[in-house]
């Protein structure tokens, strides 16, 4: 078993790309499976996050929460700088209210879930991002209506129900984190807890593959049916990732963060909360039926980008830079 775990750890990028391709193939070949796969996203993601949180000692999370320089950098980059970028990119689809709302919904909300996984894969400070997750969630909940009012108008804000935000926070953060804390406490006293930790640590790569395949398989057919309209969004979302990575890097240089923290900021700024805002988009009136597909399109672009960034970011921000910045 150890050999197998070592093998997929060493080949994880190729395996993630294969999982994405498999998800796309299944979704296109059997579009009738899309509803089942869509309902599977949340439990699969909860399991992935449970495994992720289990690998982060809670004492590290407590220490990370006291790192005000890191938290300040993440919050300013996500809620002061990125909204300006989101507004600028949204102007290219301002003529279509459905696309406009989809772009704003997804680009204005920083990720709180699988960004922690990708950050860890790139050698970033995942415990610090985990500590920042509640603040990121609460601030986007408070600021999203204000940003939408400023960027899209009063009528758009009136059709959005924020309840899915609270539900997603509970299911994707509170439940897995509580379960991980319980297992960590058990592991200090009983062998069974340590066995669970070992199994979940070894299962990280298959769980990420399952998540990627499930998300893409559930949405690829719907996106394909509207590809002519949604194609307008592809350069916007790709451009966002490039600009956001630069923003995260530049902000970290200004605040003189260490290497692991810089990588975490870069991933936080580049990764959006698409799986959380998707229920918001799905609850919109039929006249805005293109909005959830605009959100999903961002997810597809982002997942490909994240797999690439896991390799690129460590090269751009090598460990020795921590010394140069001090």
C-alpha atoms as a PDB file:
ATOM      1  CA  UNK A   1       0.000   0.000   0.000  1.00  0.00           C
ATOM      2  CA  UNK A   2       2.831   2.381   0.838  1.00  0.00           C
ATOM      3  CA  UNK A   3       4.305   1.871  -2.623  1.00  0.00           C
ATOM      4  CA  UNK A   4       0.991   2.723  -4.237  1.00  0.00           C
ATOM      5  CA  UNK A   5       0.621   5.896  -2.165  1.00  0.00           C
ATOM      6  CA  UNK A   6       4.176   6.915  -3.036  1.00  0.00           C
ATOM      7  CA  UNK A   7       3.471   6.277  -6.717  1.00  0.00           C
ATOM      8  CA  UNK A   8       0.363   8.414  -6.962  1.00  0.00           C
ATOM      9  CA  UNK A   9       1.955  11.144  -4.851  1.00  0.00           C
ATOM     10  CA  UNK A  10       4.817  11.266  -7.360  1.00  0.00           C
ATOM     11  CA  UNK A  11       2.476  11.342 -10.377  1.00  0.00           C
ATOM     12  CA  UNK A  12      -0.367  13.411  -8.957  1.00  0.00           C
ATOM     13  CA  UNK A  13      -0.393  16.142 -11.627  1.00  0.00           C
ATOM     14  CA  UNK A  14      -0.722  13.619 -14.448  1.00  0.00           C
ATOM     15  CA  UNK A  15      -3.395  11.776 -12.475  1.00  0.00           C
ATOM     16  CA  UNK A  16      -5.380  14.987 -11.921  1.00  0.00           C
ATOM     17  CA  UNK A  17      -5.310  15.762 -15.632  1.00  0.00           C
ATOM     18  CA  UNK A  18      -6.422  12.194 -16.362  1.00  0.00           C
ATOM     19  CA  UNK A  19      -9.282  12.537 -13.860  1.00  0.00           C
ATOM     20  CA  UNK A  20     -10.425  15.773 -15.497  1.00  0.00           C
ATOM     21  CA  UNK A  21     -10.327  14.131 -18.930  1.00  0.00           C
ATOM     22  CA  UNK A  22     -12.269  11.142 -17.604  1.00  0.00           C
ATOM     23  CA  UNK A  23     -14.884  13.398 -16.037  1.00  0.00           C
ATOM     24  CA  UNK A  24     -15.305  15.298 -19.294  1.00  0.00           C
ATOM     25  CA  UNK A  25     -15.608  12.058 -21.278  1.00  0.00           C
ATOM     26  CA  UNK A  26     -18.245  10.634 -18.912  1.00  0.00           C
ATOM     27  CA  UNK A  27     -20.199  13.889 -18.816  1.00  0.00           C
ATOM     28  CA  UNK A  28     -20.288  14.171 -22.611  1.00  0.00           C
ATOM     29  CA  UNK A  29     -20.982  10.489 -23.257  1.00  0.00           C
ATOM     30  CA  UNK A  30     -23.720  10.195 -20.629  1.00  0.00           C
ATOM     31  CA  UNK A  31     -25.258  13.629 -20.013  1.00  0.00           C
ATOM     32  CA  UNK A  32     -28.108  11.967 -18.122  1.00  0.00           C
ATOM     33  CA  UNK A  33     -25.684  11.337 -15.257  1.00  0.00           C
ATOM     34  CA  UNK A  34     -25.194  15.075 -14.704  1.00  0.00           C
ATOM     35  CA  UNK A  35     -27.847  15.490 -11.954  1.00  0.00           C
ATOM     36  CA  UNK A  36     -26.483  12.512 -10.000  1.00  0.00           C
ATOM     37  CA  UNK A  37     -22.931  13.782 -10.298  1.00  0.00           C
ATOM     38  CA  UNK A  38     -24.019  17.290  -9.310  1.00  0.00           C
ATOM     39  CA  UNK A  39     -25.614  15.972  -6.107  1.00  0.00           C
ATOM     40  CA  UNK A  40     -22.355  14.107  -5.402  1.00  0.00           C
ATOM     41  CA  UNK A  41     -20.161  17.218  -5.475  1.00  0.00           C
ATOM     42  CA  UNK A  42     -20.878  18.332  -1.917  1.00  0.00           C
ATOM     43  CA  UNK A  43     -20.262  14.998  -0.133  1.00  0.00           C
ATOM     44  CA  UNK A  44     -17.147  14.314  -2.204  1.00  0.00           C
ATOM     45  CA  UNK A  45     -15.809  17.769  -1.436  1.00  0.00           C
ATOM     46  CA  UNK A  46     -16.622  17.331   2.269  1.00  0.00           C
ATOM     47  CA  UNK A  47     -14.589  14.116   2.321  1.00  0.00           C
ATOM     48  CA  UNK A  48     -11.669  15.787   0.533  1.00  0.00           C
ATOM     49  CA  UNK A  49     -11.714  18.678   2.993  1.00  0.00           C
ATOM     50  CA  UNK A  50     -11.953  16.297   5.962  1.00  0.00           C
ATOM     51  CA  UNK A  51      -8.770  14.598   4.749  1.00  0.00           C
ATOM     52  CA  UNK A  52      -7.134  17.990   4.217  1.00  0.00           C
ATOM     53  CA  UNK A  53      -8.069  19.359   7.637  1.00  0.00           C
ATOM     54  CA  UNK A  54      -7.000  16.110   9.262  1.00  0.00           C
ATOM     55  CA  UNK A  55      -3.483  16.700   7.932  1.00  0.00           C
ATOM     56  CA  UNK A  56      -3.301  20.169   9.490  1.00  0.00           C
ATOM     57  CA  UNK A  57      -2.622  20.091  13.266  1.00  0.00           C
ATOM     58  CA  UNK A  58      -5.136  22.397  14.928  1.00  0.00           C
ATOM     59  CA  UNK A  59      -2.377  24.065  16.924  1.00  0.00           C
ATOM     60  CA  UNK A  60      -0.990  25.363  13.610  1.00  0.00           C
ATOM     61  CA  UNK A  61      -4.370  26.866  12.784  1.00  0.00           C
ATOM     62  CA  UNK A  62      -4.419  28.725  16.096  1.00  0.00           C
ATOM     63  CA  UNK A  63      -0.927  30.084  15.494  1.00  0.00           C
ATOM     64  CA  UNK A  64      -1.796  31.052  11.917  1.00  0.00           C
ATOM     65  CA  UNK A  65      -4.819  33.046  13.038  1.00  0.00           C
ATOM     66  CA  UNK A  66      -2.475  35.336  14.960  1.00  0.00           C
ATOM     67  CA  UNK A  67      -0.435  36.135  11.839  1.00  0.00           C
ATOM     68  CA  UNK A  68      -1.959  39.553  11.204  1.00  0.00           C
ATOM     69  CA  UNK A  69       0.397  40.415   8.362  1.00  0.00           C
ATOM     70  CA  UNK A  70      -0.678  37.351   6.382  1.00  0.00           C
ATOM     71  CA  UNK A  71      -4.361  37.851   7.140  1.00  0.00           C
ATOM     72  CA  UNK A  72      -4.146  41.524   6.217  1.00  0.00           C
ATOM     73  CA  UNK A  73      -2.481  40.709   2.906  1.00  0.00           C
ATOM     74  CA  UNK A  74      -5.090  38.075   2.010  1.00  0.00           C
ATOM     75  CA  UNK A  75      -8.014  40.308   2.947  1.00  0.00           C
ATOM     76  CA  UNK A  76      -6.763  43.443   1.181  1.00  0.00           C
ATOM     77  CA  UNK A  77      -5.840  41.527  -1.973  1.00  0.00           C
ATOM     78  CA  UNK A  78      -9.188  39.692  -2.106  1.00  0.00           C
ATOM     79  CA  UNK A  79     -11.550  42.480  -1.086  1.00  0.00           C
ATOM     80  CA  UNK A  80      -9.857  45.714  -2.158  1.00  0.00           C
ATOM     81  CA  UNK A  81      -7.794  44.861  -5.258  1.00  0.00           C
ATOM     82  CA  UNK A  82      -9.545  41.868  -6.837  1.00  0.00           C
ATOM     83  CA  UNK A  83     -12.965  43.621  -6.982  1.00  0.00           C
ATOM     84  CA  UNK A  84     -11.400  46.264  -9.229  1.00  0.00           C
ATOM     85  CA  UNK A  85     -10.078  43.522 -11.513  1.00  0.00           C
ATOM     86  CA  UNK A  86     -13.468  41.773 -11.482  1.00  0.00           C
ATOM     87  CA  UNK A  87     -15.233  45.006 -12.391  1.00  0.00           C
ATOM     88  CA  UNK A  88     -12.818  45.681 -15.268  1.00  0.00           C
ATOM     89  CA  UNK A  89     -13.244  42.166 -16.709  1.00  0.00           C
ATOM     90  CA  UNK A  90     -17.030  42.241 -16.286  1.00  0.00           C
ATOM     91  CA  UNK A  91     -17.254  45.262 -18.606  1.00  0.00           C
ATOM     92  CA  UNK A  92     -16.585  42.930 -21.544  1.00  0.00           C
ATOM     93  CA  UNK A  93     -19.929  41.157 -20.922  1.00  0.00           C
ATOM     94  CA  UNK A  94     -21.897  44.100 -19.531  1.00  0.00           C
ATOM     95  CA  UNK A  95     -24.310  43.812 -22.475  1.00  0.00           C
ATOM     96  CA  UNK A  96     -25.590  40.421 -21.209  1.00  0.00           C
ATOM     97  CA  UNK A  97     -27.054  40.519 -17.680  1.00  0.00           C
ATOM     98  CA  UNK A  98     -26.818  36.754 -17.203  1.00  0.00           C
ATOM     99  CA  UNK A  99     -23.132  36.594 -18.112  1.00  0.00           C
ATOM    100  CA  UNK A 100     -22.415  39.771 -16.175  1.00  0.00           C
ATOM    101  CA  UNK A 101     -23.963  38.384 -13.002  1.00  0.00           C
ATOM    102  CA  UNK A 102     -22.159  35.052 -13.399  1.00  0.00           C
ATOM    103  CA  UNK A 103     -18.780  36.734 -13.820  1.00  0.00           C
ATOM    104  CA  UNK A 104     -19.315  38.996 -10.819  1.00  0.00           C
ATOM    105  CA  UNK A 105     -20.684  36.261  -8.562  1.00  0.00           C
ATOM    106  CA  UNK A 106     -17.712  34.007  -9.069  1.00  0.00           C
ATOM    107  CA  UNK A 107     -14.858  36.529  -9.340  1.00  0.00           C
ATOM    108  CA  UNK A 108     -15.902  38.530  -6.259  1.00  0.00           C
ATOM    109  CA  UNK A 109     -15.874  35.523  -3.912  1.00  0.00           C
ATOM    110  CA  UNK A 110     -12.536  34.009  -2.788  1.00  0.00           C
ATOM    111  CA  UNK A 111     -12.375  30.239  -2.366  1.00  0.00           C
ATOM    112  CA  UNK A 112     -12.572  28.690   1.098  1.00  0.00           C
ATOM    113  CA  UNK A 113     -12.436  24.990   0.278  1.00  0.00           C
ATOM    114  CA  UNK A 114     -10.213  23.232  -2.282  1.00  0.00           C
ATOM    115  CA  UNK A 115      -7.805  26.191  -2.402  1.00  0.00           C
ATOM    116  CA  UNK A 116      -6.422  24.747   0.849  1.00  0.00           C
ATOM    117  CA  UNK A 117      -5.679  21.477  -0.940  1.00  0.00           C
ATOM    118  CA  UNK A 118      -3.943  23.087  -3.912  1.00  0.00           C
ATOM    119  CA  UNK A 119      -1.988  25.402  -1.605  1.00  0.00           C
ATOM    120  CA  UNK A 120      -0.671  22.398   0.291  1.00  0.00           C
ATOM    121  CA  UNK A 121       0.307  20.658  -2.947  1.00  0.00           C
ATOM    122  CA  UNK A 122       2.347  23.728  -3.924  1.00  0.00           C
ATOM    123  CA  UNK A 123       4.107  23.926  -0.564  1.00  0.00           C
ATOM    124  CA  UNK A 124       2.071  26.892   0.628  1.00  0.00           C
ATOM    125  CA  UNK A 125       0.900  27.753   4.142  1.00  0.00           C
ATOM    126  CA  UNK A 126      -2.348  25.795   4.109  1.00  0.00           C
ATOM    127  CA  UNK A 127      -2.856  26.150   7.876  1.00  0.00           C
ATOM    128  CA  UNK A 128      -2.894  29.929   7.467  1.00  0.00           C
ATOM    129  CA  UNK A 129      -5.486  29.737   4.708  1.00  0.00           C
ATOM    130  CA  UNK A 130      -7.581  27.422   6.857  1.00  0.00           C
ATOM    131  CA  UNK A 131      -7.408  29.968   9.662  1.00  0.00           C
ATOM    132  CA  UNK A 132      -8.440  32.709   7.238  1.00  0.00           C
ATOM    133  CA  UNK A 133     -11.410  30.749   5.823  1.00  0.00           C
ATOM    134  CA  UNK A 134     -14.043  32.003   8.323  1.00  0.00           C
ATOM    135  CA  UNK A 135     -13.026  35.626   7.742  1.00  0.00           C
ATOM    136  CA  UNK A 136     -13.034  35.164   3.970  1.00  0.00           C
ATOM    137  CA  UNK A 137     -16.492  33.614   4.119  1.00  0.00           C
ATOM    138  CA  UNK A 138     -18.019  36.251   6.401  1.00  0.00           C
ATOM    139  CA  UNK A 139     -16.548  39.173   4.465  1.00  0.00           C
ATOM    140  CA  UNK A 140     -17.662  37.909   1.074  1.00  0.00           C
ATOM    141  CA  UNK A 141     -21.126  37.330   2.508  1.00  0.00           C
ATOM    142  CA  UNK A 142     -21.227  40.923   3.737  1.00  0.00           C
ATOM    143  CA  UNK A 143     -19.535  42.591   0.757  1.00  0.00           C
ATOM    144  CA  UNK A 144     -21.013  40.660  -2.184  1.00  0.00           C
ATOM    145  CA  UNK A 145     -24.350  42.539  -2.152  1.00  0.00           C
ATOM    146  CA  UNK A 146     -22.496  45.866  -1.991  1.00  0.00           C
ATOM    147  CA  UNK A 147     -20.201  44.948  -4.870  1.00  0.00           C
ATOM    148  CA  UNK A 148     -23.078  43.652  -6.975  1.00  0.00           C
ATOM    149  CA  UNK A 149     -25.071  46.817  -6.282  1.00  0.00           C
ATOM    150  CA  UNK A 150     -22.111  48.953  -7.365  1.00  0.00           C
ATOM    151  CA  UNK A 151     -21.139  46.877 -10.414  1.00  0.00           C
ATOM    152  CA  UNK A 152     -24.478  45.502 -11.689  1.00  0.00           C
ATOM    153  CA  UNK A 153     -27.275  47.591 -10.187  1.00  0.00           C
ATOM    154  CA  UNK A 154     -30.057  47.357  -7.599  1.00  0.00           C
ATOM    155  CA  UNK A 155     -32.281  44.955  -9.565  1.00  0.00           C
ATOM    156  CA  UNK A 156     -29.575  42.261  -9.586  1.00  0.00           C
ATOM    157  CA  UNK A 157     -29.119  42.290  -5.801  1.00  0.00           C
ATOM    158  CA  UNK A 158     -32.840  41.809  -5.289  1.00  0.00           C
ATOM    159  CA  UNK A 159     -32.940  38.356  -6.946  1.00  0.00           C
ATOM    160  CA  UNK A 160     -30.130  36.760  -4.914  1.00  0.00           C
ATOM    161  CA  UNK A 161     -30.716  34.536  -1.869  1.00  0.00           C
ATOM    162  CA  UNK A 162     -27.678  34.394   0.443  1.00  0.00           C
ATOM    163  CA  UNK A 163     -28.868  31.335   2.408  1.00  0.00           C
ATOM    164  CA  UNK A 164     -26.713  28.909   0.347  1.00  0.00           C
ATOM    165  CA  UNK A 165     -23.618  30.749   1.616  1.00  0.00           C
ATOM    166  CA  UNK A 166     -24.419  29.862   5.217  1.00  0.00           C
ATOM    167  CA  UNK A 167     -25.264  26.280   4.271  1.00  0.00           C
ATOM    168  CA  UNK A 168     -22.038  25.866   2.306  1.00  0.00           C
ATOM    169  CA  UNK A 169     -19.954  27.284   5.150  1.00  0.00           C
ATOM    170  CA  UNK A 170     -21.510  24.808   7.578  1.00  0.00           C
ATOM    171  CA  UNK A 171     -21.169  21.773   5.319  1.00  0.00           C
ATOM    172  CA  UNK A 172     -17.780  22.510   3.750  1.00  0.00           C
ATOM    173  CA  UNK A 173     -15.940  24.052   6.705  1.00  0.00           C
ATOM    174  CA  UNK A 174     -17.657  23.437  10.049  1.00  0.00           C
ATOM    175  CA  UNK A 175     -18.565  19.757   9.578  1.00  0.00           C
ATOM    176  CA  UNK A 176     -15.229  18.522   8.106  1.00  0.00           C
ATOM    177  CA  UNK A 177     -13.198  20.643  10.530  1.00  0.00           C
ATOM    178  CA  UNK A 178     -15.136  19.368  13.555  1.00  0.00           C
ATOM    179  CA  UNK A 179     -14.758  15.782  12.374  1.00  0.00           C
ATOM    180  CA  UNK A 180     -11.015  16.284  11.822  1.00  0.00           C
ATOM    181  CA  UNK A 181     -10.613  17.787  15.300  1.00  0.00           C
ATOM    182  CA  UNK A 182     -12.428  14.800  16.807  1.00  0.00           C
ATOM    183  CA  UNK A 183     -10.191  12.313  14.989  1.00  0.00           C
ATOM    184  CA  UNK A 184      -7.050  14.230  15.985  1.00  0.00           C
ATOM    185  CA  UNK A 185      -8.181  14.107  19.618  1.00  0.00           C
ATOM    186  CA  UNK A 186      -8.871  10.370  19.280  1.00  0.00           C
ATOM    187  CA  UNK A 187      -5.449   9.792  17.702  1.00  0.00           C
ATOM    188  CA  UNK A 188      -3.730  11.125  20.832  1.00  0.00           C
ATOM    189  CA  UNK A 189      -5.331   8.340  22.876  1.00  0.00           C
ATOM    190  CA  UNK A 190      -6.168   5.433  20.593  1.00  0.00           C
ATOM    191  CA  UNK A 191      -4.585   3.566  17.715  1.00  0.00           C
ATOM    192  CA  UNK A 192      -7.846   3.731  15.733  1.00  0.00           C
ATOM    193  CA  UNK A 193      -7.534   7.513  15.439  1.00  0.00           C
ATOM    194  CA  UNK A 194      -3.998   7.226  14.113  1.00  0.00           C
ATOM    195  CA  UNK A 195      -5.163   4.587  11.632  1.00  0.00           C
ATOM    196  CA  UNK A 196      -7.829   6.936  10.296  1.00  0.00           C
ATOM    197  CA  UNK A 197      -5.227   9.684   9.934  1.00  0.00           C
ATOM    198  CA  UNK A 198      -2.964   7.346   7.967  1.00  0.00           C
ATOM    199  CA  UNK A 199      -5.712   6.160   5.642  1.00  0.00           C
ATOM    200  CA  UNK A 200      -6.979   9.662   4.902  1.00  0.00           C
ATOM    201  CA  UNK A 201      -3.452  11.000   4.313  1.00  0.00           C
ATOM    202  CA  UNK A 202      -2.851   8.252   1.764  1.00  0.00           C
ATOM    203  CA  UNK A 203      -6.224   8.880   0.115  1.00  0.00           C
ATOM    204  CA  UNK A 204      -5.643  12.568  -0.683  1.00  0.00           C
ATOM    205  CA  UNK A 205      -4.707  12.039  -4.346  1.00  0.00           C
ATOM    206  CA  UNK A 206      -7.633   9.682  -5.158  1.00  0.00           C
ATOM    207  CA  UNK A 207     -10.032  12.036  -3.370  1.00  0.00           C
ATOM    208  CA  UNK A 208      -8.803  15.003  -5.384  1.00  0.00           C
ATOM    209  CA  UNK A 209      -9.143  12.955  -8.586  1.00  0.00           C
ATOM    210  CA  UNK A 210     -12.693  12.004  -7.620  1.00  0.00           C
ATOM    211  CA  UNK A 211     -13.561  15.647  -6.890  1.00  0.00           C
ATOM    212  CA  UNK A 212     -12.175  16.882 -10.205  1.00  0.00           C
ATOM    213  CA  UNK A 213     -13.907  14.150 -12.210  1.00  0.00           C
ATOM    214  CA  UNK A 214     -17.224  14.689 -10.413  1.00  0.00           C
ATOM    215  CA  UNK A 215     -17.285  18.470 -10.853  1.00  0.00           C
ATOM    216  CA  UNK A 216     -16.340  18.371 -14.530  1.00  0.00           C
ATOM    217  CA  UNK A 217     -18.531  15.391 -15.345  1.00  0.00           C
ATOM    218  CA  UNK A 218     -21.572  17.050 -13.785  1.00  0.00           C
ATOM    219  CA  UNK A 219     -21.281  20.285 -15.745  1.00  0.00           C
ATOM    220  CA  UNK A 220     -19.447  19.696 -19.017  1.00  0.00           C
ATOM    221  CA  UNK A 221     -22.551  18.790 -21.063  1.00  0.00           C
ATOM    222  CA  UNK A 222     -24.487  21.877 -19.934  1.00  0.00           C
ATOM    223  CA  UNK A 223     -21.536  24.113 -20.706  1.00  0.00           C
ATOM    224  CA  UNK A 224     -21.090  22.463 -24.088  1.00  0.00           C
ATOM    225  CA  UNK A 225     -24.701  23.178 -25.021  1.00  0.00           C
ATOM    226  CA  UNK A 226     -24.074  26.919 -24.647  1.00  0.00           C
ATOM    227  CA  UNK A 227     -20.458  27.019 -25.745  1.00  0.00           C
ATOM    228  CA  UNK A 228     -21.063  29.718 -28.342  1.00  0.00           C
ATOM    229  CA  UNK A 229     -22.215  32.182 -25.688  1.00  0.00           C
ATOM    230  CA  UNK A 230     -19.892  31.014 -22.922  1.00  0.00           C
ATOM    231  CA  UNK A 231     -16.803  31.206 -25.154  1.00  0.00           C
ATOM    232  CA  UNK A 232     -16.774  34.949 -24.479  1.00  0.00           C
ATOM    233  CA  UNK A 233     -15.856  34.146 -20.874  1.00  0.00           C
ATOM    234  CA  UNK A 234     -12.841  31.920 -21.508  1.00  0.00           C
ATOM    235  CA  UNK A 235     -10.281  34.721 -22.095  1.00  0.00           C
ATOM    236  CA  UNK A 236     -11.746  36.683 -19.167  1.00  0.00           C
ATOM    237  CA  UNK A 237     -11.357  33.807 -16.732  1.00  0.00           C
ATOM    238  CA  UNK A 238      -7.907  32.874 -18.011  1.00  0.00           C
ATOM    239  CA  UNK A 239      -6.842  36.508 -17.804  1.00  0.00           C
ATOM    240  CA  UNK A 240      -8.177  36.697 -14.256  1.00  0.00           C
ATOM    241  CA  UNK A 241      -5.978  33.807 -13.117  1.00  0.00           C
ATOM    242  CA  UNK A 242      -2.854  35.385 -14.596  1.00  0.00           C
ATOM    243  CA  UNK A 243      -3.602  38.821 -13.150  1.00  0.00           C
ATOM    244  CA  UNK A 244      -4.639  37.411  -9.774  1.00  0.00           C
ATOM    245  CA  UNK A 245      -1.448  35.396  -9.375  1.00  0.00           C
ATOM    246  CA  UNK A 246       0.535  38.566 -10.071  1.00  0.00           C
ATOM    247  CA  UNK A 247      -1.580  40.520  -7.558  1.00  0.00           C
ATOM    248  CA  UNK A 248      -0.980  37.884  -4.885  1.00  0.00           C
ATOM    249  CA  UNK A 249       2.746  37.841  -5.575  1.00  0.00           C
ATOM    250  CA  UNK A 250       3.049  41.642  -5.586  1.00  0.00           C
ATOM    251  CA  UNK A 251       0.980  42.051  -2.407  1.00  0.00           C
ATOM    252  CA  UNK A 252       3.156  39.491  -0.634  1.00  0.00           C
ATOM    253  CA  UNK A 253       6.303  41.300  -1.712  1.00  0.00           C
ATOM    254  CA  UNK A 254       4.968  44.573  -0.333  1.00  0.00           C
ATOM    255  CA  UNK A 255       4.199  42.983   3.045  1.00  0.00           C
ATOM    256  CA  UNK A 256       7.400  40.884   2.981  1.00  0.00           C
ATOM    257  CA  UNK A 257       5.787  37.514   3.569  1.00  0.00           C
ATOM    258  CA  UNK A 258       7.831  34.320   3.620  1.00  0.00           C
ATOM    259  CA  UNK A 259       7.745  31.767   0.816  1.00  0.00           C
ATOM    260  CA  UNK A 260       4.985  29.508   2.134  1.00  0.00           C
ATOM    261  CA  UNK A 261       2.762  32.474   2.961  1.00  0.00           C
ATOM    262  CA  UNK A 262       3.379  34.054  -0.458  1.00  0.00           C
ATOM    263  CA  UNK A 263       2.334  30.874  -2.221  1.00  0.00           C
ATOM    264  CA  UNK A 264      -0.804  30.742  -0.066  1.00  0.00           C
ATOM    265  CA  UNK A 265      -1.732  34.334  -0.911  1.00  0.00           C
ATOM    266  CA  UNK A 266      -1.213  33.696  -4.629  1.00  0.00           C
ATOM    267  CA  UNK A 267      -3.553  30.693  -4.557  1.00  0.00           C
ATOM    268  CA  UNK A 268      -6.126  32.501  -2.414  1.00  0.00           C
ATOM    269  CA  UNK A 269      -6.310  35.438  -4.807  1.00  0.00           C
ATOM    270  CA  UNK A 270      -6.440  33.257  -7.926  1.00  0.00           C
ATOM    271  CA  UNK A 271      -8.982  30.692  -6.687  1.00  0.00           C
ATOM    272  CA  UNK A 272     -12.687  31.560  -6.538  1.00  0.00           C
ATOM    273  CA  UNK A 273     -15.643  30.201  -4.581  1.00  0.00           C
ATOM    274  CA  UNK A 274     -17.439  28.699  -7.576  1.00  0.00           C
ATOM    275  CA  UNK A 275     -18.821  25.601  -5.834  1.00  0.00           C
ATOM    276  CA  UNK A 276     -20.340  27.780  -3.100  1.00  0.00           C
ATOM    277  CA  UNK A 277     -21.877  30.442  -5.348  1.00  0.00           C
ATOM    278  CA  UNK A 278     -23.240  27.850  -7.794  1.00  0.00           C
ATOM    279  CA  UNK A 279     -26.352  27.231  -5.631  1.00  0.00           C
ATOM    280  CA  UNK A 280     -26.951  30.999  -5.635  1.00  0.00           C
ATOM    281  CA  UNK A 281     -26.787  31.033  -9.419  1.00  0.00           C
ATOM    282  CA  UNK A 282     -29.044  27.991  -9.754  1.00  0.00           C
ATOM    283  CA  UNK A 283     -31.697  29.714  -7.613  1.00  0.00           C
ATOM    284  CA  UNK A 284     -31.979  32.674 -10.007  1.00  0.00           C
ATOM    285  CA  UNK A 285     -35.028  33.207 -12.269  1.00  0.00           C
ATOM    286  CA  UNK A 286     -35.236  31.397 -15.626  1.00  0.00           C
ATOM    287  CA  UNK A 287     -34.404  34.626 -17.436  1.00  0.00           C
ATOM    288  CA  UNK A 288     -30.905  34.315 -15.950  1.00  0.00           C
ATOM    289  CA  UNK A 289     -30.447  30.621 -16.789  1.00  0.00           C
ATOM    290  CA  UNK A 290     -27.049  31.331 -18.367  1.00  0.00           C
ATOM    291  CA  UNK A 291     -25.660  32.601 -15.029  1.00  0.00           C
ATOM    292  CA  UNK A 292     -24.948  29.187 -13.418  1.00  0.00           C
ATOM    293  CA  UNK A 293     -23.263  28.060 -16.638  1.00  0.00           C
ATOM    294  CA  UNK A 294     -21.080  31.171 -16.493  1.00  0.00           C
ATOM    295  CA  UNK A 295     -20.094  30.144 -12.954  1.00  0.00           C
ATOM    296  CA  UNK A 296     -19.367  26.560 -14.010  1.00  0.00           C
ATOM    297  CA  UNK A 297     -17.265  27.753 -16.941  1.00  0.00           C
ATOM    298  CA  UNK A 298     -15.033  29.548 -14.454  1.00  0.00           C
ATOM    299  CA  UNK A 299     -14.744  26.311 -12.452  1.00  0.00           C
ATOM    300  CA  UNK A 300     -13.532  24.397 -15.506  1.00  0.00           C
ATOM    301  CA  UNK A 301     -10.966  27.055 -16.407  1.00  0.00           C
ATOM    302  CA  UNK A 302      -9.831  27.343 -12.795  1.00  0.00           C
ATOM    303  CA  UNK A 303      -9.331  23.613 -12.211  1.00  0.00           C
ATOM    304  CA  UNK A 304      -7.047  23.394 -15.233  1.00  0.00           C
ATOM    305  CA  UNK A 305      -5.212  26.506 -14.046  1.00  0.00           C
ATOM    306  CA  UNK A 306      -4.790  25.137 -10.511  1.00  0.00           C
ATOM    307  CA  UNK A 307      -3.214  21.931 -11.755  1.00  0.00           C
ATOM    308  CA  UNK A 308      -0.748  24.034 -13.756  1.00  0.00           C
ATOM    309  CA  UNK A 309      -0.088  26.479 -10.904  1.00  0.00           C
ATOM    310  CA  UNK A 310       0.789  23.648  -8.523  1.00  0.00           C
ATOM    311  CA  UNK A 311       3.897  23.213 -10.689  1.00  0.00           C
ATOM    312  CA  UNK A 312       4.543  26.845 -11.649  1.00  0.00           C
ATOM    313  CA  UNK A 313       4.142  28.648  -8.309  1.00  0.00           C
ATOM    314  CA  UNK A 314       6.920  26.733  -6.473  1.00  0.00           C
ATOM    315  CA  UNK A 315       9.248  27.584  -9.364  1.00  0.00           C
ATOM    316  CA  UNK A 316       8.273  31.261  -9.342  1.00  0.00           C
ATOM    317  CA  UNK A 317       8.520  31.464  -5.541  1.00  0.00           C
ATOM    318  CA  UNK A 318      11.397  29.120  -4.607  1.00  0.00           C
ATOM    319  CA  UNK A 319      12.248  28.504  -0.966  1.00  0.00           C
ATOM    320  CA  UNK A 320      15.422  30.582  -1.076  1.00  0.00           C
ATOM    321  CA  UNK A 321      13.347  33.728  -1.691  1.00  0.00           C
ATOM    322  CA  UNK A 322      12.253  33.599   1.925  1.00  0.00           C
ATOM    323  CA  UNK A 323      15.784  34.593   2.859  1.00  0.00           C
ATOM    324  CA  UNK A 324      16.046  37.296   0.216  1.00  0.00           C
ATOM    325  CA  UNK A 325      12.876  39.038   1.407  1.00  0.00           C
ATOM    326  CA  UNK A 326      13.781  39.174   5.111  1.00  0.00           C
END
